Each structure stands twice: as structure tokens, then as C-alpha cells.
Amino acid sequence: MPTNSHLIRASASFAMLLGAGLLLGACSGGDFGRTREDFRNDDMHRWMGAEATGSVGLRASQFQLTDDERQLRDRAYPLIEPPHSRPAWKAVFGDYQVIASPWRQRVVFDRTAYGRALIDEPHRSDASRYSQLIDDARDDITRFDPFYSTAARVLELDRKRNASLAHVSQLSPRERADAVARMEENALIVQWVQQCQERRVSSYRWALERLVVQGPNSMAAEADRLINELASLRANPPVMIQPATGYAVSSRG
């Protein structure tokens, strides 16, 4: 029969093993919800171009990304990822997923999903729910100018690229096709962000309306102000592009 000292040593060993396992698990994910370092690379968002073009039946370009094109995709990703979409336990392990573009028929937008997640998650107080909504809306506003600054630069260079196609000597059909495909990719990514911004405004408004009903708080005024500011920015983007395939994705859910 094991002695008390043996039981104590066994318990201590198990606790050490459990602690080491948890520590290694935590190390496998990024700290503070950041993506794991082994997931990071210069072209980690390159897939966005192929997803956007493929979803509307176009081919992806085989050209390497320019610095500006890479930055466009890096700045687009936080704006297309559904806000507050990952539970805290997933963020700890650096969860990172490829997102389907809004042109895919299987993608169904639910404007209530963000608000329901915000309301259903345990919070210490109603104020923390308002704080999350305020932070999410403010983050979108903060990202607005950097994204569109890059987008304007990329699209202007694409206009010059398009004009130069007629003057490049011995341009092969493959080179021309890749150049056109890259211009289509860049434009579709900008449209993708614009559609997601419209959806976010709709989601934030639905969430705020339910928060006001379920837990009135003076913080609602600040949330409403930020949502209206984001809606105004979205309605007047510095870069105007017609919706791909001739129609806009509805934000109604």
C-alpha cells in the first residue's frame, strides 16, 4: 500500500507534468491572442487574392506580391475577419483561419451573430459588453485610413501597369494574363473590405440595440457615436470601386 510520502511525490510529479504541458501549450500559441510565430511569414495573407478571384470564377496571378500589395492584404485581413469571432481559448493558441469571400454562395451573413456572441459570453458587468463593442468599432475606425492609403497607392500603380501593357515589348500571353489577374485581385480585395465594413456597421447597430434593451448604460452614447462615425467613413471611402460581378452583397440578415 503506498505511503503518504509516495502519494505526495506522485501528486507533485503529476502537477509538474500538467504544468509543463500547459506551459508548452501556451507557448505554441501567440501571447495576448497574437498568431503563433511559426504561422507568420511575409506572404501569410497571399491566399486572399486567390480566394477573391476564385470565388467569382477568375484565375489568380502567379506574379510575386509587391511590398504595397503585401501590405494591402495584411491590412485587409483584420477588416474582413469577423469582429470578436474567436473565443479566448482559441486566441490563446493563435488560431488563424482562411476566410471565405462574400461572393461565395455558401457564405451567409448573419448580422445578429456578433451581438449574440457579445451578449451570451459571460461578462463581469454590462459595462464590459459596451466596452467590447466600443473597442471593436474604434479599432475599425483606426484601421480605416491606413488601409485606404495603401489601397489608393496600389490601385494607382495598377492603373499605370494597365496603361503600360500596350507598350511592353514582346509581352507574352502568360505575362499579360498574370498582370490582369493581379489587378483584378487587388480590386476585389478592396471591394471585399468595403462589403465587410458595411456588414460590421449593421452588426454593431444590432448589438447596440439589444444591449440598450437588456442593460441600459450611459456608455451606449459613445458606442452609438463610434458606430455612426464608422458608417460615415464607410459611406464615403477614399477609393471607389464598383461591386464585383455587378452586384453588392447585402448586409441584411
Foldseek 3Di string as FASTA:
>chain_A
DDDPVVVVVVVVVVVVVVVVVVVVQLLLQDPPLAAHPVCDDLQSQVVLLQLLQVLVPHHAFPDDDDPLRSVLSVLLVVLLPPPPPDDPVCSSNRDDDDDHFPSHPVDDADLQVVLVVLVPDDDPDLVVSLVSLLVRLVVLVVSQVVNLVSLVVVLVVLVVVVVCVVVDPPQDPSNVSNSVSVNVSSLSSVLRSLLSLVLSLSSSVVNLVVSCVVPNDPSSVSSVVSSVVSVVCSVDDPDDDQHPPRDGDDNHD
